[in-house]
Amino acid sequence: MELPRSPGTASAPLWTIAEEDELPESAALVKDRLVYGSAGSDLPEAVLDDRRQGDRAEKSGISAPDRWSPGRRLKKSRTAPAMTSDYGKRCGDDDKPRLESAARIARQAAIGFCIYIAIGVLIYVWRFSGTRTHTLVDAVYFGIVTMCTIGYGDIAPVSSTTKLYCCVFVVIGMGFIDVLLSGMVAYILERQEELLMSAVEGGRHQTARRVSRLGRMRKRMKVVLALGVVIGCVTLGTLAVHKLEELSWVDSFYLSCISVTTVGYGDHAFESLAGRLFASMWLLISSLAVARAFLFLAEARIARRNRLIAKWVLTREMTVGDLVAADIDNNGFVSKSEFVVYKLKELGKISQDDIMEVCRQFNIMDRDNSGRITLSCLSDAV
């Protein structure tokens, strides 16, 4: 830094600031660089753009845009503490558990299904009794009937060894049908969630009431779809059994209902080659679809019951006992946040253990015990 020159000296800067960076355009940028750090990557680009636009507006005589307008996303005070270089970076994202995608679960279930049927084919090569058509078709048919827990009895093991193998095969099949159903359901629900989120993103102007109404419509559509699946599977099976097995319409309808509900009395079964080929595909699809359909019906009844309870909880008057129970910090009154937490507990959305865990996490982040999480708390955590 140089000393000021005498008044007679030619005009020159009184002070020379020795810095490597260029001098900012205005005093506001100087202050921002003092707040946010050096003129490098630590200064958010949005702040620089905001300052430059404001300076150009002041020079041209046009009033600068309102910094607190609803359309602005950046509402940063000039006197805020300095931000760290990892601005916008969330701590702990690397520790977030990575759940398997529904597509991967469905793919694993399909591979497991193929292995299961292959093992069933190998078991069937041994001694079995029953009507035979084609060895491979009969083996696949036996595996499907066993896994779906139908058990017609038209094919059964004879020797002690095959009976022991079938015991293990049946137990594994009962567990595997649940895995296969869960994988298929998870894949369908993930697709539905993506469609719902895209609809919400595309229509942000819709009110919460309309979104709730759309959710109820989706539940009703599930019920209608479930009933349609049951009727469709029974109808298709009735037509196929009547044509392939040459049974009467009553017996065909009877066999279809007994099959899709996985009852399987054994008085009627698929005995022809074409019938067993059809049954190998139809029994697997229809049993899974009908099981999911009845689950949809149960979910609809539970959802209706939950809506009635929620309506009663949200509309009933608050009593003195509710006031005492909702006053978490025991200060004699209930704030809006305490009221929301209490109502969520009544609705069963959260439990006391959830609240205690959230409070424990808050206390860990509140390092100065001030009752609030500030920017300095986050900076210390980093």
Protein backbone atom coordinates (compact mmCIF):
# COMPACT_ATOMS: atom_id res chain seq x y z
CA MET A 1 0.00 0.00 0.00
CA GLU A 2 1.36 3.43 -1.01
CA LEU A 3 1.06 6.76 0.83
CA PRO A 4 -1.12 9.52 -0.65
CA ARG A 5 0.65 11.90 -2.96
CA SER A 6 0.83 15.64 -2.61
CA PRO A 7 -2.08 17.74 -3.99
CA GLY A 8 0.07 19.04 -6.83
CA THR A 9 0.72 15.63 -8.20
CA ALA A 10 -1.13 14.47 -11.29
CA SER A 11 -4.46 12.77 -10.68
CA ALA A 12 -3.95 9.17 -9.61
CA PRO A 13 -5.61 6.79 -7.19
CA LEU A 14 -4.92 7.75 -3.60
CA TRP A 15 -4.79 4.14 -2.51
CA THR A 16 -3.66 1.07 -4.44
CA ILE A 17 -5.31 -2.16 -3.40
CA ALA A 18 -2.90 -5.04 -3.98
CA GLU A 19 -5.15 -8.00 -4.84
CA GLU A 20 -4.88 -10.68 -7.46
CA ASP A 21 -8.62 -10.65 -8.24
CA GLU A 22 -10.27 -7.90 -10.22
CA LEU A 23 -12.22 -5.27 -8.35
CA PRO A 24 -16.00 -6.04 -8.33
CA GLU A 25 -18.46 -3.84 -10.13
CA SER A 26 -20.15 -2.44 -7.01
CA ALA A 27 -19.97 -2.23 -3.24
CA ALA A 28 -22.72 -4.82 -2.95
CA LEU A 29 -20.52 -7.41 -4.62
CA VAL A 30 -17.67 -6.50 -2.29
CA LYS A 31 -19.94 -7.17 0.67
CA ASP A 32 -21.17 -10.44 -0.82
CA ARG A 33 -17.62 -11.64 -1.32
CA LEU A 34 -16.86 -10.77 2.27
CA VAL A 35 -19.94 -12.75 3.35
CA TYR A 36 -19.61 -15.74 1.06
CA GLY A 37 -15.83 -15.86 0.81
CA SER A 38 -13.46 -15.19 -2.06
CA ALA A 39 -14.50 -14.51 -5.62
CA GLY A 40 -13.96 -18.14 -6.53
CA SER A 41 -16.35 -21.02 -6.48
CA ASP A 42 -17.62 -20.31 -2.95
CA LEU A 43 -19.81 -17.41 -4.12
CA PRO A 44 -23.11 -18.74 -5.46
CA GLU A 45 -23.63 -17.80 -9.08
CA ALA A 46 -27.25 -16.83 -8.36
CA VAL A 47 -26.05 -14.10 -5.99
CA LEU A 48 -23.63 -12.70 -8.58
CA ASP A 49 -26.36 -12.61 -11.22
CA ASP A 50 -28.73 -10.92 -8.79
CA ARG A 51 -26.21 -8.23 -7.94
CA ARG A 52 -25.31 -7.56 -11.57
CA GLN A 53 -28.97 -7.23 -12.53
CA GLY A 54 -29.57 -4.85 -9.65
CA ASP A 55 -26.56 -2.71 -10.57
CA ARG A 56 -27.62 -2.51 -14.23
CA ALA A 57 -31.14 -1.54 -13.19
CA GLU A 58 -29.85 1.23 -10.92
CA LYS A 59 -27.60 2.61 -13.66
CA SER A 60 -30.41 2.62 -16.23
CA GLY A 61 -32.88 4.24 -13.82
CA ILE A 62 -35.21 1.21 -13.77
CA SER A 63 -36.31 -0.08 -10.41
CA ALA A 64 -34.83 -3.45 -9.56
CA PRO A 65 -37.19 -6.40 -9.23
CA ASP A 66 -38.62 -7.20 -5.84
CA ARG A 67 -36.17 -9.47 -4.06
CA TRP A 68 -38.96 -11.01 -2.00
CA SER A 69 -41.47 -11.67 -4.78
CA PRO A 70 -43.23 -15.07 -4.68
CA GLY A 71 -41.46 -16.15 -7.85
CA ARG A 72 -38.00 -15.78 -6.34
CA ARG A 73 -36.46 -18.89 -4.91
CA LEU A 74 -33.38 -17.24 -3.42
CA LYS A 75 -34.18 -15.23 -0.30
CA LYS A 76 -30.77 -14.69 1.24
CA SER A 77 -29.97 -11.87 3.64
CA ARG A 78 -26.85 -9.84 2.91
CA THR A 79 -25.83 -10.06 6.55
CA ALA A 80 -26.17 -13.85 6.70
CA PRO A 81 -23.15 -15.84 7.91
CA ALA A 82 -20.68 -17.18 5.41
CA MET A 83 -21.75 -20.29 3.56
CA THR A 84 -19.52 -23.30 3.25
CA SER A 85 -18.14 -24.43 -0.05
CA ASP A 86 -20.50 -27.43 -0.15
CA TYR A 87 -23.54 -25.19 -0.40
CA GLY A 88 -26.67 -27.26 -1.00
CA LYS A 89 -24.94 -30.53 -0.18
CA ARG A 90 -26.77 -32.72 2.27
CA CYS A 91 -24.84 -34.61 4.88
CA GLY A 92 -25.54 -38.32 5.23
CA ASP A 93 -26.73 -38.94 1.67
CA ASP A 94 -24.00 -41.54 1.24
CA ASP A 95 -25.44 -43.48 4.20
CA LYS A 96 -28.95 -43.62 2.72
CA PRO A 97 -30.00 -47.25 2.25
CA ARG A 98 -30.33 -48.28 -1.35
CA LEU A 99 -33.48 -50.33 -1.82
CA GLU A 100 -33.81 -52.81 -4.62
CA SER A 101 -35.97 -51.61 -7.47
CA ALA A 102 -39.24 -53.36 -8.16
CA ALA A 103 -38.06 -54.33 -11.64
CA ARG A 104 -35.06 -56.12 -10.16
CA ILE A 105 -37.27 -57.92 -7.63
CA ALA A 106 -39.61 -59.04 -10.40
CA ARG A 107 -36.64 -60.19 -12.49
CA GLN A 108 -35.22 -62.20 -9.57
CA ALA A 109 -38.66 -63.73 -8.98
CA ALA A 110 -38.88 -64.78 -12.63
CA ILE A 111 -35.44 -66.40 -12.48
CA GLY A 112 -36.35 -68.19 -9.27
CA PHE A 113 -39.58 -69.41 -10.83
CA CYS A 114 -37.68 -70.97 -13.74
CA ILE A 115 -35.30 -72.71 -11.34
CA TYR A 116 -38.21 -73.97 -9.26
CA ILE A 117 -39.99 -75.44 -12.28
CA ALA A 118 -36.74 -77.03 -13.48
CA ILE A 119 -36.34 -78.76 -10.12
CA GLY A 120 -39.95 -79.94 -10.36
CA VAL A 121 -39.25 -81.45 -13.77
CA LEU A 122 -36.25 -83.34 -12.37
CA ILE A 123 -38.32 -84.68 -9.48
CA TYR A 124 -41.12 -85.79 -11.78
CA VAL A 125 -38.73 -87.99 -13.76
CA TRP A 126 -38.84 -90.38 -10.80
CA ARG A 127 -41.82 -92.55 -9.84
CA PHE A 128 -45.16 -90.74 -10.03
CA SER A 129 -48.67 -92.06 -10.52
CA GLY A 130 -51.43 -90.52 -12.59
CA THR A 131 -52.56 -89.91 -16.12
CA ARG A 132 -49.60 -89.28 -18.41
CA THR A 133 -49.59 -87.23 -21.62
CA HIS A 134 -46.10 -85.86 -22.24
CA THR A 135 -43.26 -86.06 -19.73
CA LEU A 136 -42.15 -82.42 -19.96
CA VAL A 137 -45.69 -81.03 -20.06
CA ASP A 138 -46.77 -83.22 -17.15
CA ALA A 139 -43.71 -82.16 -15.13
CA VAL A 140 -44.34 -78.43 -15.68
CA TYR A 141 -48.04 -78.92 -14.93
CA PHE A 142 -47.15 -80.76 -11.70
CA GLY A 143 -44.82 -77.94 -10.63
CA ILE A 144 -47.42 -75.22 -11.30
CA VAL A 145 -50.18 -77.09 -9.47
CA THR A 146 -47.87 -77.68 -6.51
CA MET A 147 -46.60 -74.10 -6.31
CA CYS A 148 -50.12 -72.65 -6.53
CA THR A 149 -51.17 -75.04 -3.72
CA ILE A 150 -54.09 -76.39 -5.78
CA GLY A 151 -53.39 -80.10 -5.45
CA TYR A 152 -55.80 -81.87 -7.78
CA GLY A 153 -54.34 -85.25 -6.90
CA ASP A 154 -54.20 -86.39 -10.51
CA ILE A 155 -50.39 -86.61 -10.27
CA ALA A 156 -48.85 -87.85 -7.02
CA PRO A 157 -45.53 -89.36 -5.86
CA VAL A 158 -45.34 -93.11 -5.31
CA SER A 159 -41.97 -93.97 -3.72
CA SER A 160 -40.75 -92.83 -0.31
CA THR A 161 -37.91 -90.84 -1.87
CA THR A 162 -40.17 -88.84 -4.15
CA LYS A 163 -42.56 -88.19 -1.26
CA LEU A 164 -39.71 -86.76 0.84
CA TYR A 165 -38.58 -84.60 -2.06
CA CYS A 166 -42.14 -83.41 -2.58
CA CYS A 167 -42.38 -82.36 1.07
CA VAL A 168 -39.45 -79.99 0.59
CA PHE A 169 -40.74 -78.96 -2.83
CA VAL A 170 -44.17 -78.02 -1.43
CA VAL A 171 -42.77 -75.96 1.47
CA ILE A 172 -40.45 -74.04 -0.85
CA GLY A 173 -43.28 -73.52 -3.31
CA MET A 174 -45.56 -71.98 -0.66
CA GLY A 175 -42.88 -69.46 0.24
CA PHE A 176 -41.92 -68.81 -3.35
CA ILE A 177 -45.47 -68.00 -4.45
CA ASP A 178 -45.45 -65.22 -1.85
CA VAL A 179 -42.12 -63.89 -3.17
CA LEU A 180 -43.41 -64.01 -6.74
CA LEU A 181 -46.63 -62.23 -5.78
CA SER A 182 -44.74 -59.57 -3.78
CA GLY A 183 -42.34 -58.92 -6.66
CA MET A 184 -45.16 -58.55 -9.15
CA VAL A 185 -47.14 -56.27 -6.83
CA ALA A 186 -44.09 -54.14 -6.02
CA TYR A 187 -43.38 -53.67 -9.73
CA ILE A 188 -46.99 -52.64 -10.42
CA LEU A 189 -47.08 -50.25 -7.46
CA GLU A 190 -43.81 -48.62 -8.52
CA ARG A 191 -45.25 -47.97 -11.97
CA GLN A 192 -48.40 -46.52 -10.41
CA GLU A 193 -46.31 -44.28 -8.15
CA GLU A 194 -44.37 -42.94 -11.12
CA LEU A 195 -47.61 -42.15 -12.96
CA LEU A 196 -49.06 -40.45 -9.88
CA MET A 197 -45.93 -38.35 -9.30
CA SER A 198 -45.84 -37.29 -12.94
CA ALA A 199 -49.49 -36.27 -12.71
CA VAL A 200 -48.80 -34.22 -9.58
CA GLU A 201 -45.76 -32.57 -11.15
CA GLY A 202 -47.73 -31.73 -14.27
CA GLY A 203 -50.67 -30.24 -12.36
CA ARG A 204 -49.33 -28.29 -9.42
CA HIS A 205 -52.29 -25.93 -9.60
CA GLN A 206 -54.65 -28.66 -8.38
CA THR A 207 -55.81 -28.36 -4.83
CA ALA A 208 -55.22 -30.93 -2.11
CA ARG A 209 -58.93 -31.76 -2.11
CA ARG A 210 -58.80 -32.75 -5.78
CA VAL A 211 -55.67 -34.85 -5.23
CA SER A 212 -57.43 -36.63 -2.36
CA ARG A 213 -60.48 -37.23 -4.56
CA LEU A 214 -58.25 -38.68 -7.28
CA GLY A 215 -56.70 -40.99 -4.68
CA ARG A 216 -60.14 -42.32 -3.71
CA MET A 217 -60.97 -42.82 -7.39
CA ARG A 218 -57.80 -44.88 -7.80
CA LYS A 219 -58.90 -47.12 -4.92
CA ARG A 220 -62.33 -47.60 -6.50
CA MET A 221 -60.69 -48.40 -9.82
CA LYS A 222 -58.59 -51.03 -8.07
CA VAL A 223 -61.74 -52.65 -6.71
CA VAL A 224 -63.40 -52.61 -10.13
CA LEU A 225 -60.22 -54.01 -11.68
CA ALA A 226 -60.07 -56.74 -9.05
CA LEU A 227 -63.62 -57.85 -9.73
CA GLY A 228 -62.97 -57.73 -13.47
CA VAL A 229 -59.88 -59.92 -13.08
CA VAL A 230 -61.78 -62.55 -11.10
CA ILE A 231 -64.64 -62.64 -13.61
CA GLY A 232 -62.23 -62.69 -16.55
CA CYS A 233 -60.12 -65.56 -15.19
CA VAL A 234 -63.17 -67.68 -14.37
CA THR A 235 -64.75 -66.98 -17.76
CA LEU A 236 -61.58 -67.81 -19.68
CA GLY A 237 -61.08 -71.00 -17.70
CA THR A 238 -64.69 -72.08 -18.21
CA LEU A 239 -64.46 -71.66 -21.98
CA ALA A 240 -61.08 -73.41 -22.21
CA VAL A 241 -62.07 -76.34 -19.99
CA HIS A 242 -65.31 -76.87 -21.89
CA LYS A 243 -63.43 -76.98 -25.20
CA LEU A 244 -60.20 -78.78 -24.20
CA GLU A 245 -61.44 -81.23 -21.56
CA GLU A 246 -64.93 -81.68 -23.09
CA LEU A 247 -66.75 -81.18 -19.80
CA SER A 248 -70.24 -79.78 -19.41
CA TRP A 249 -70.70 -76.06 -18.83
CA VAL A 250 -71.51 -76.61 -15.18
CA ASP A 251 -68.47 -78.82 -14.60
CA SER A 252 -66.26 -76.40 -16.55
CA PHE A 253 -67.42 -73.47 -14.45
CA TYR A 254 -67.02 -75.58 -11.31
CA LEU A 255 -63.45 -76.60 -12.21
CA SER A 256 -62.52 -73.00 -13.04
CA CYS A 257 -63.78 -71.65 -9.72
CA ILE A 258 -62.11 -74.46 -7.76
CA SER A 259 -58.84 -73.83 -9.62
CA VAL A 260 -58.54 -70.03 -9.40
CA THR A 261 -59.34 -70.13 -5.67
CA THR A 262 -56.61 -72.81 -5.23
CA VAL A 263 -59.04 -75.24 -3.55
CA GLY A 264 -58.67 -78.21 -5.90
CA TYR A 265 -60.96 -80.98 -4.62
CA GLY A 266 -59.57 -83.46 -7.14
CA ASP A 267 -62.84 -84.76 -8.55
CA HIS A 268 -62.06 -82.93 -11.79
CA ALA A 269 -58.64 -82.09 -13.24
CA PHE A 270 -56.84 -81.45 -16.52
CA GLU A 271 -56.10 -84.76 -18.22
CA SER A 272 -55.45 -83.92 -21.90
CA LEU A 273 -52.17 -82.62 -23.31
CA ALA A 274 -53.74 -79.39 -24.57
CA GLY A 275 -55.55 -78.91 -21.27
CA ARG A 276 -52.36 -79.24 -19.23
CA LEU A 277 -50.51 -76.85 -21.53
CA PHE A 278 -53.28 -74.30 -21.01
CA ALA A 279 -53.41 -74.98 -17.26
CA SER A 280 -49.65 -74.45 -16.87
CA MET A 281 -50.06 -70.82 -17.94
CA TRP A 282 -53.62 -70.11 -16.83
CA LEU A 283 -53.29 -71.48 -13.28
CA LEU A 284 -50.17 -69.44 -12.55
CA ILE A 285 -51.58 -66.16 -13.86
CA SER A 286 -55.11 -66.59 -12.54
CA SER A 287 -54.13 -67.70 -9.04
CA LEU A 288 -51.78 -64.73 -8.61
CA ALA A 289 -54.28 -62.30 -10.11
CA VAL A 290 -57.21 -63.52 -8.04
CA ALA A 291 -55.14 -63.48 -4.84
CA ARG A 292 -54.17 -59.89 -5.53
CA ALA A 293 -57.78 -59.05 -6.40
CA PHE A 294 -59.06 -60.22 -3.04
CA LEU A 295 -56.25 -58.26 -1.41
CA PHE A 296 -57.46 -55.13 -3.22
CA LEU A 297 -60.96 -55.72 -1.85
CA ALA A 298 -59.61 -56.05 1.69
CA GLU A 299 -57.54 -52.88 1.27
CA ALA A 300 -60.62 -51.00 0.06
CA ARG A 301 -62.59 -51.97 3.16
CA ILE A 302 -59.70 -51.00 5.43
CA ALA A 303 -59.26 -47.68 3.61
CA ARG A 304 -62.96 -46.86 4.04
CA ARG A 305 -62.74 -47.64 7.75
CA ASN A 306 -59.63 -45.46 8.09
CA ARG A 307 -61.37 -42.56 6.32
CA LEU A 308 -64.28 -42.72 8.75
CA ILE A 309 -61.92 -42.74 11.73
CA ALA A 310 -59.88 -39.87 10.28
CA LYS A 311 -63.01 -37.80 9.69
CA TRP A 312 -64.10 -38.33 13.29
CA VAL A 313 -60.65 -37.47 14.69
CA LEU A 314 -60.28 -34.30 12.61
CA THR A 315 -63.78 -32.94 13.32
CA ARG A 316 -64.23 -33.65 17.02
CA GLU A 317 -63.80 -30.88 19.58
CA MET A 318 -60.64 -30.65 21.65
CA THR A 319 -61.06 -31.39 25.36
CA VAL A 320 -58.98 -30.46 28.39
CA GLY A 321 -57.47 -33.92 28.38
CA ASP A 322 -56.45 -33.45 24.76
CA LEU A 323 -54.87 -30.10 25.65
CA VAL A 324 -52.76 -31.70 28.37
CA ALA A 325 -51.79 -34.62 26.14
CA ALA A 326 -50.88 -32.39 23.18
CA ASP A 327 -48.78 -29.97 25.26
CA ILE A 328 -45.43 -31.62 24.59
CA ASP A 329 -43.20 -29.00 26.24
CA ASN A 330 -45.62 -28.43 29.17
CA ASN A 331 -45.80 -24.66 28.73
CA GLY A 332 -49.55 -24.42 29.27
CA PHE A 333 -50.66 -24.01 25.66
CA VAL A 334 -50.62 -25.97 22.41
CA SER A 335 -48.84 -24.55 19.38
CA LYS A 336 -49.74 -25.36 15.80
CA SER A 337 -46.88 -27.85 15.48
CA GLU A 338 -47.90 -29.61 18.70
CA PHE A 339 -51.51 -29.77 17.50
CA VAL A 340 -50.43 -31.30 14.19
CA VAL A 341 -48.27 -33.90 15.95
CA TYR A 342 -51.10 -34.80 18.33
CA LYS A 343 -53.61 -35.24 15.51
CA LEU A 344 -51.16 -37.37 13.53
CA LYS A 345 -50.76 -39.59 16.59
CA GLU A 346 -54.52 -39.95 16.88
CA LEU A 347 -54.78 -40.87 13.22
CA GLY A 348 -52.11 -43.51 13.66
CA LYS A 349 -49.80 -41.88 11.12
CA ILE A 350 -46.96 -41.70 13.62
CA SER A 351 -46.21 -43.27 16.99
CA GLN A 352 -44.62 -42.01 20.18
CA ASP A 353 -41.43 -43.87 19.29
CA ASP A 354 -41.26 -41.98 15.98
CA ILE A 355 -41.63 -38.66 17.81
CA MET A 356 -38.92 -39.55 20.33
CA GLU A 357 -36.54 -40.56 17.55
CA VAL A 358 -37.14 -37.28 15.69
CA CYS A 359 -36.62 -35.30 18.91
CA ARG A 360 -33.39 -37.18 19.58
CA GLN A 361 -32.13 -36.33 16.10
CA PHE A 362 -33.10 -32.68 16.63
CA ASN A 363 -31.20 -32.55 19.94
CA ILE A 364 -28.11 -33.93 18.23
CA MET A 365 -28.21 -31.20 15.57
CA ASP A 366 -29.06 -28.47 18.10
CA ARG A 367 -25.50 -28.21 19.40
CA ASP A 368 -25.96 -24.96 21.32
CA ASN A 369 -29.24 -26.08 22.98
CA SER A 370 -31.04 -23.02 21.65
CA GLY A 371 -34.17 -24.93 20.65
CA ARG A 372 -33.64 -24.25 16.96
CA ILE A 373 -31.37 -25.44 14.14
CA THR A 374 -29.41 -22.61 12.55
CA LEU A 375 -26.88 -22.37 9.76
CA SER A 376 -24.06 -22.45 12.27
CA CYS A 377 -25.33 -25.81 13.56
CA LEU A 378 -25.17 -27.24 10.05
CA SER A 379 -21.71 -25.76 9.49
CA ASP A 380 -20.46 -27.34 12.71
CA ALA A 381 -21.94 -30.68 11.66
CA VAL A 382 -19.96 -30.55 8.42
